[in-house]
């Protein structure tokens, strides 16, 4: 680990301890979640980026196996989208991995004051899986549009429609977990009740 990251973690932890002792809960949440976001993104390279990228590639590959509309080149992280006119090669890289959105969500959940520890773990895991699923869905939508619309639709599909779909669904997650937190807690309690009924 980089010495700058270690130094940043020490300063961040000290700042959190000062804010907690001063009972400045709003600043504690802001500094805590922002600091954890930067730490998570800093330590995510290269291993977590590799893991998230390949997880997304395998999710897209499952769709490709069913539809035969694309071919996956796993080692290079490329998706070859077939169509009648102009085939397109799409690269799944850092931006497409969803790791930035995942780190931001986890950092906010960890320091969100409304939830107990078990609820935070539940929503962190739920959020990671949800963001992964909608990221795969976004890329599947891009593949469908390019397969039927041709290579000239790639920019519209990837940069406009795909991103719009992804961020609308991410905003829905944020709304349900943070803004409408009482409903979210109800979902958590329903999950716990469902687990107890099964056991």
C-alpha atoms as a PDB file:
ATOM      1  CA  UNK A   1       0.000   0.000   0.000  1.00  0.00           C
ATOM      2  CA  UNK A   2       1.219   3.500  -0.839  1.00  0.00           C
ATOM      3  CA  UNK A   3       2.647   5.539   2.048  1.00  0.00           C
ATOM      4  CA  UNK A   4       0.451   8.500   1.018  1.00  0.00           C
ATOM      5  CA  UNK A   5      -2.673   6.347   1.363  1.00  0.00           C
ATOM      6  CA  UNK A   6      -1.545   5.149   4.822  1.00  0.00           C
ATOM      7  CA  UNK A   7      -0.865   8.721   5.917  1.00  0.00           C
ATOM      8  CA  UNK A   8      -4.255   9.806   4.573  1.00  0.00           C
ATOM      9  CA  UNK A   9      -5.995   6.995   6.505  1.00  0.00           C
ATOM     10  CA  UNK A  10      -4.261   8.025   9.758  1.00  0.00           C
ATOM     11  CA  UNK A  11      -5.235  11.704   9.291  1.00  0.00           C
ATOM     12  CA  UNK A  12      -8.796  10.682   8.355  1.00  0.00           C
ATOM     13  CA  UNK A  13      -9.152   8.459  11.458  1.00  0.00           C
ATOM     14  CA  UNK A  14      -7.806  11.219  13.700  1.00  0.00           C
ATOM     15  CA  UNK A  15     -10.234  13.726  12.152  1.00  0.00           C
ATOM     16  CA  UNK A  16     -13.123  11.304  12.745  1.00  0.00           C
ATOM     17  CA  UNK A  17     -12.149  10.836  16.398  1.00  0.00           C
ATOM     18  CA  UNK A  18     -12.063  14.625  16.916  1.00  0.00           C
ATOM     19  CA  UNK A  19     -15.468  15.086  15.263  1.00  0.00           C
ATOM     20  CA  UNK A  20     -16.982  12.235  17.277  1.00  0.00           C
ATOM     21  CA  UNK A  21     -15.716  13.642  20.579  1.00  0.00           C
ATOM     22  CA  UNK A  22     -17.056  17.077  19.583  1.00  0.00           C
ATOM     23  CA  UNK A  23     -20.419  15.449  18.701  1.00  0.00           C
ATOM     24  CA  UNK A  24     -20.535  17.132  15.295  1.00  0.00           C
ATOM     25  CA  UNK A  25     -22.606  14.398  13.668  1.00  0.00           C
ATOM     26  CA  UNK A  26     -23.180  16.142  10.322  1.00  0.00           C
ATOM     27  CA  UNK A  27     -19.462  16.814   9.820  1.00  0.00           C
ATOM     28  CA  UNK A  28     -18.674  13.288  11.056  1.00  0.00           C
ATOM     29  CA  UNK A  29     -20.952  11.871   8.335  1.00  0.00           C
ATOM     30  CA  UNK A  30     -19.495  14.122   5.603  1.00  0.00           C
ATOM     31  CA  UNK A  31     -15.830  13.604   6.505  1.00  0.00           C
ATOM     32  CA  UNK A  32     -16.370   9.899   7.195  1.00  0.00           C
ATOM     33  CA  UNK A  33     -18.195   9.039   3.986  1.00  0.00           C
ATOM     34  CA  UNK A  34     -16.031  11.284   1.749  1.00  0.00           C
ATOM     35  CA  UNK A  35     -12.819   9.954   3.293  1.00  0.00           C
ATOM     36  CA  UNK A  36     -13.907   6.334   3.050  1.00  0.00           C
ATOM     37  CA  UNK A  37     -14.886   6.866  -0.601  1.00  0.00           C
ATOM     38  CA  UNK A  38     -11.415   8.186  -1.478  1.00  0.00           C
ATOM     39  CA  UNK A  39      -9.732   5.388   0.489  1.00  0.00           C
ATOM     40  CA  UNK A  40     -11.826   2.678  -1.182  1.00  0.00           C
ATOM     41  CA  UNK A  41     -11.186   4.061  -4.679  1.00  0.00           C
ATOM     42  CA  UNK A  42      -7.461   4.441  -3.933  1.00  0.00           C
ATOM     43  CA  UNK A  43      -7.032   0.856  -2.709  1.00  0.00           C
ATOM     44  CA  UNK A  44      -9.312  -0.614  -5.384  1.00  0.00           C
ATOM     45  CA  UNK A  45      -6.532  -0.526  -7.987  1.00  0.00           C
ATOM     46  CA  UNK A  46      -5.621  -2.951  -9.430  1.00  0.00           C
ATOM     47  CA  UNK A  47      -7.264  -5.932  -7.689  1.00  0.00           C
ATOM     48  CA  UNK A  48     -10.817  -4.749  -7.006  1.00  0.00           C
ATOM     49  CA  UNK A  49     -11.020  -3.037 -10.390  1.00  0.00           C
ATOM     50  CA  UNK A  50      -9.943  -6.321 -11.997  1.00  0.00           C
ATOM     51  CA  UNK A  51     -12.510  -8.269  -9.941  1.00  0.00           C
ATOM     52  CA  UNK A  52     -15.415  -5.902 -10.687  1.00  0.00           C
ATOM     53  CA  UNK A  53     -14.502  -5.674 -14.371  1.00  0.00           C
ATOM     54  CA  UNK A  54     -14.371  -9.448 -14.774  1.00  0.00           C
ATOM     55  CA  UNK A  55     -17.583  -9.914 -12.796  1.00  0.00           C
ATOM     56  CA  UNK A  56     -19.326  -7.549 -15.232  1.00  0.00           C
ATOM     57  CA  UNK A  57     -17.731  -9.330 -18.214  1.00  0.00           C
ATOM     58  CA  UNK A  58     -19.028 -12.692 -16.980  1.00  0.00           C
ATOM     59  CA  UNK A  59     -22.508 -11.220 -16.464  1.00  0.00           C
ATOM     60  CA  UNK A  60     -22.513  -9.909 -20.043  1.00  0.00           C
ATOM     61  CA  UNK A  61     -21.077 -13.237 -21.267  1.00  0.00           C
ATOM     62  CA  UNK A  62     -24.104 -15.060 -19.824  1.00  0.00           C
ATOM     63  CA  UNK A  63     -26.378 -12.854 -21.944  1.00  0.00           C
ATOM     64  CA  UNK A  64     -24.113 -13.381 -24.958  1.00  0.00           C
ATOM     65  CA  UNK A  65     -24.356 -17.158 -24.557  1.00  0.00           C
ATOM     66  CA  UNK A  66     -28.153 -16.963 -24.559  1.00  0.00           C
ATOM     67  CA  UNK A  67     -28.558 -14.450 -27.394  1.00  0.00           C
ATOM     68  CA  UNK A  68     -25.471 -15.080 -29.609  1.00  0.00           C
ATOM     69  CA  UNK A  69     -25.474 -11.312 -30.300  1.00  0.00           C
ATOM     70  CA  UNK A  70     -21.982 -10.768 -28.924  1.00  0.00           C
ATOM     71  CA  UNK A  71     -18.702 -12.555 -28.334  1.00  0.00           C
ATOM     72  CA  UNK A  72     -16.628 -11.993 -25.202  1.00  0.00           C
ATOM     73  CA  UNK A  73     -12.826 -11.801 -25.190  1.00  0.00           C
ATOM     74  CA  UNK A  74     -12.226 -12.376 -21.473  1.00  0.00           C
ATOM     75  CA  UNK A  75      -8.476 -11.747 -21.273  1.00  0.00           C
ATOM     76  CA  UNK A  76      -8.692  -8.399 -23.058  1.00  0.00           C
ATOM     77  CA  UNK A  77     -12.037  -7.345 -21.532  1.00  0.00           C
ATOM     78  CA  UNK A  78     -13.639  -6.811 -24.928  1.00  0.00           C
ATOM     79  CA  UNK A  79     -17.186  -7.398 -26.158  1.00  0.00           C
ATOM     80  CA  UNK A  80     -17.552  -7.970 -29.906  1.00  0.00           C
ATOM     81  CA  UNK A  81     -21.133  -6.948 -30.807  1.00  0.00           C
ATOM     82  CA  UNK A  82     -22.379  -8.442 -34.044  1.00  0.00           C
ATOM     83  CA  UNK A  83     -24.891  -6.748 -36.349  1.00  0.00           C
ATOM     84  CA  UNK A  84     -25.810  -6.711 -40.025  1.00  0.00           C
ATOM     85  CA  UNK A  85     -23.768  -3.656 -40.994  1.00  0.00           C
ATOM     86  CA  UNK A  86     -20.832  -2.600 -38.820  1.00  0.00           C
ATOM     87  CA  UNK A  87     -19.740  -4.834 -35.890  1.00  0.00           C
ATOM     88  CA  UNK A  88     -18.561  -2.944 -32.785  1.00  0.00           C
ATOM     89  CA  UNK A  89     -15.904  -3.833 -30.224  1.00  0.00           C
ATOM     90  CA  UNK A  90     -16.753  -2.471 -26.758  1.00  0.00           C
ATOM     91  CA  UNK A  91     -14.107  -2.338 -24.037  1.00  0.00           C
ATOM     92  CA  UNK A  92     -15.152  -3.026 -20.434  1.00  0.00           C
ATOM     93  CA  UNK A  93     -12.699  -1.027 -18.337  1.00  0.00           C
ATOM     94  CA  UNK A  94     -12.508   0.961 -15.093  1.00  0.00           C
ATOM     95  CA  UNK A  95     -15.418   3.203 -16.056  1.00  0.00           C
ATOM     96  CA  UNK A  96     -17.659   0.264 -16.975  1.00  0.00           C
ATOM     97  CA  UNK A  97     -16.817  -1.730 -13.834  1.00  0.00           C
ATOM     98  CA  UNK A  98     -19.177   0.317 -11.627  1.00  0.00           C
ATOM     99  CA  UNK A  99     -16.565   0.486  -8.871  1.00  0.00           C
ATOM    100  CA  UNK A 100     -16.806   4.274  -8.402  1.00  0.00           C
ATOM    101  CA  UNK A 101     -20.572   4.095  -7.833  1.00  0.00           C
ATOM    102  CA  UNK A 102     -20.138   1.055  -5.566  1.00  0.00           C
ATOM    103  CA  UNK A 103     -17.468   2.762  -3.429  1.00  0.00           C
ATOM    104  CA  UNK A 104     -19.615   5.900  -3.110  1.00  0.00           C
ATOM    105  CA  UNK A 105     -22.669   3.910  -2.017  1.00  0.00           C
ATOM    106  CA  UNK A 106     -20.787   1.752   0.512  1.00  0.00           C
ATOM    107  CA  UNK A 107     -19.058   4.823   2.001  1.00  0.00           C
ATOM    108  CA  UNK A 108     -22.399   6.588   2.505  1.00  0.00           C
ATOM    109  CA  UNK A 109     -24.054   3.500   4.031  1.00  0.00           C
ATOM    110  CA  UNK A 110     -21.207   2.938   6.510  1.00  0.00           C
ATOM    111  CA  UNK A 111     -21.584   6.443   7.974  1.00  0.00           C
ATOM    112  CA  UNK A 112     -25.340   6.867   7.565  1.00  0.00           C
ATOM    113  CA  UNK A 113     -26.596   7.543  11.134  1.00  0.00           C
ATOM    114  CA  UNK A 114     -30.137   6.180  10.739  1.00  0.00           C
ATOM    115  CA  UNK A 115     -29.189   2.496  10.580  1.00  0.00           C
ATOM    116  CA  UNK A 116     -27.854  -0.029  13.061  1.00  0.00           C
ATOM    117  CA  UNK A 117     -24.727  -2.058  12.234  1.00  0.00           C
ATOM    118  CA  UNK A 118     -26.623  -5.095  10.852  1.00  0.00           C
ATOM    119  CA  UNK A 119     -28.753  -2.837   8.673  1.00  0.00           C
ATOM    120  CA  UNK A 120     -25.630  -1.148   7.303  1.00  0.00           C
ATOM    121  CA  UNK A 121     -24.113  -4.520   6.394  1.00  0.00           C
ATOM    122  CA  UNK A 122     -27.381  -5.581   4.756  1.00  0.00           C
ATOM    123  CA  UNK A 123     -27.685  -2.409   2.646  1.00  0.00           C
ATOM    124  CA  UNK A 124     -23.992  -2.383   1.734  1.00  0.00           C
ATOM    125  CA  UNK A 125     -24.223  -5.955   0.389  1.00  0.00           C
ATOM    126  CA  UNK A 126     -27.598  -5.261  -1.237  1.00  0.00           C
ATOM    127  CA  UNK A 127     -26.244  -2.092  -2.874  1.00  0.00           C
ATOM    128  CA  UNK A 128     -23.134  -3.821  -4.251  1.00  0.00           C
ATOM    129  CA  UNK A 129     -25.261  -6.574  -5.828  1.00  0.00           C
ATOM    130  CA  UNK A 130     -27.849  -4.087  -7.101  1.00  0.00           C
ATOM    131  CA  UNK A 131     -25.255  -1.809  -8.730  1.00  0.00           C
ATOM    132  CA  UNK A 132     -23.580  -4.848 -10.295  1.00  0.00           C
ATOM    133  CA  UNK A 133     -26.912  -6.073 -11.708  1.00  0.00           C
ATOM    134  CA  UNK A 134     -27.928  -2.704 -13.195  1.00  0.00           C
ATOM    135  CA  UNK A 135     -24.446  -2.254 -14.647  1.00  0.00           C
ATOM    136  CA  UNK A 136     -24.777  -5.583 -16.459  1.00  0.00           C
ATOM    137  CA  UNK A 137     -28.298  -4.542 -17.532  1.00  0.00           C
ATOM    138  CA  UNK A 138     -26.898  -1.266 -18.931  1.00  0.00           C
ATOM    139  CA  UNK A 139     -24.340  -3.122 -21.055  1.00  0.00           C
ATOM    140  CA  UNK A 140     -26.950  -5.634 -22.206  1.00  0.00           C
ATOM    141  CA  UNK A 141     -29.146  -2.723 -23.366  1.00  0.00           C
ATOM    142  CA  UNK A 142     -26.143  -1.314 -25.285  1.00  0.00           C
ATOM    143  CA  UNK A 143     -25.593  -4.723 -26.943  1.00  0.00           C
ATOM    144  CA  UNK A 144     -29.273  -5.008 -27.931  1.00  0.00           C
ATOM    145  CA  UNK A 145     -29.392  -1.490 -29.418  1.00  0.00           C
ATOM    146  CA  UNK A 146     -26.123  -1.907 -31.351  1.00  0.00           C
ATOM    147  CA  UNK A 147     -27.056  -5.411 -32.550  1.00  0.00           C
ATOM    148  CA  UNK A 148     -30.335  -4.222 -34.052  1.00  0.00           C
ATOM    149  CA  UNK A 149     -29.443  -0.591 -34.833  1.00  0.00           C
ATOM    150  CA  UNK A 150     -25.925  -1.031 -36.206  1.00  0.00           C
ATOM    151  CA  UNK A 151     -22.536   0.396 -35.276  1.00  0.00           C
ATOM    152  CA  UNK A 152     -23.623   4.008 -35.753  1.00  0.00           C
ATOM    153  CA  UNK A 153     -25.946   3.695 -32.724  1.00  0.00           C
ATOM    154  CA  UNK A 154     -23.085   2.827 -30.333  1.00  0.00           C
ATOM    155  CA  UNK A 155     -22.530   6.359 -29.012  1.00  0.00           C
ATOM    156  CA  UNK A 156     -26.250   6.901 -28.425  1.00  0.00           C
ATOM    157  CA  UNK A 157     -26.628   3.471 -26.803  1.00  0.00           C
ATOM    158  CA  UNK A 158     -23.524   3.621 -24.590  1.00  0.00           C
ATOM    159  CA  UNK A 159     -23.124   7.290 -23.692  1.00  0.00           C
ATOM    160  CA  UNK A 160     -26.771   8.395 -23.584  1.00  0.00           C
ATOM    161  CA  UNK A 161     -29.333   5.601 -23.155  1.00  0.00           C
ATOM    162  CA  UNK A 162     -27.100   3.218 -21.176  1.00  0.00           C
ATOM    163  CA  UNK A 163     -25.843   5.871 -18.777  1.00  0.00           C
ATOM    164  CA  UNK A 164     -29.293   7.395 -18.346  1.00  0.00           C
ATOM    165  CA  UNK A 165     -30.761   3.978 -17.475  1.00  0.00           C
ATOM    166  CA  UNK A 166     -27.903   3.224 -15.069  1.00  0.00           C
ATOM    167  CA  UNK A 167     -28.064   6.527 -13.207  1.00  0.00           C
ATOM    168  CA  UNK A 168     -31.855   6.578 -12.967  1.00  0.00           C
ATOM    169  CA  UNK A 169     -31.707   3.139 -11.311  1.00  0.00           C
ATOM    170  CA  UNK A 170     -28.837   4.256  -9.037  1.00  0.00           C
ATOM    171  CA  UNK A 171     -30.873   7.321  -7.996  1.00  0.00           C
ATOM    172  CA  UNK A 172     -33.797   4.991  -7.208  1.00  0.00           C
ATOM    173  CA  UNK A 173     -31.469   2.973  -4.942  1.00  0.00           C
ATOM    174  CA  UNK A 174     -30.218   6.130  -3.182  1.00  0.00           C
ATOM    175  CA  UNK A 175     -33.757   7.400  -2.724  1.00  0.00           C
ATOM    176  CA  UNK A 176     -34.982   4.176  -1.151  1.00  0.00           C
ATOM    177  CA  UNK A 177     -31.974   3.673   1.119  1.00  0.00           C
ATOM    178  CA  UNK A 178     -31.200   7.251   2.203  1.00  0.00           C
ATOM    179  CA  UNK A 179     -34.079   9.637   1.468  1.00  0.00           C
ATOM    180  CA  UNK A 180     -36.947   7.300   2.216  1.00  0.00           C
ATOM    181  CA  UNK A 181     -35.121   5.491   4.995  1.00  0.00           C
ATOM    182  CA  UNK A 182     -38.174   4.406   6.979  1.00  0.00           C
ATOM    183  CA  UNK A 183     -39.433   2.429   3.965  1.00  0.00           C
ATOM    184  CA  UNK A 184     -35.948   0.979   3.522  1.00  0.00           C
ATOM    185  CA  UNK A 185     -35.891  -0.148   7.138  1.00  0.00           C
ATOM    186  CA  UNK A 186     -39.229  -1.808   6.463  1.00  0.00           C
ATOM    187  CA  UNK A 187     -37.626  -3.728   3.583  1.00  0.00           C
ATOM    188  CA  UNK A 188     -34.810  -4.800   5.919  1.00  0.00           C
ATOM    189  CA  UNK A 189     -37.292  -6.008   8.538  1.00  0.00           C
ATOM    190  CA  UNK A 190     -39.247  -7.926   5.870  1.00  0.00           C
ATOM    191  CA  UNK A 191     -35.998  -9.602   4.828  1.00  0.00           C
ATOM    192  CA  UNK A 192     -35.254 -10.594   8.468  1.00  0.00           C
ATOM    193  CA  UNK A 193     -38.819 -11.913   8.935  1.00  0.00           C
ATOM    194  CA  UNK A 194     -38.541 -13.912   5.701  1.00  0.00           C
ATOM    195  CA  UNK A 195     -35.235 -15.467   6.886  1.00  0.00           C
ATOM    196  CA  UNK A 196     -36.749 -16.397  10.245  1.00  0.00           C
ATOM    197  CA  UNK A 197     -39.742 -18.051   8.564  1.00  0.00           C
ATOM    198  CA  UNK A 198     -37.450 -20.143   6.352  1.00  0.00           C
ATOM    199  CA  UNK A 199     -35.311 -21.339   9.283  1.00  0.00           C
END
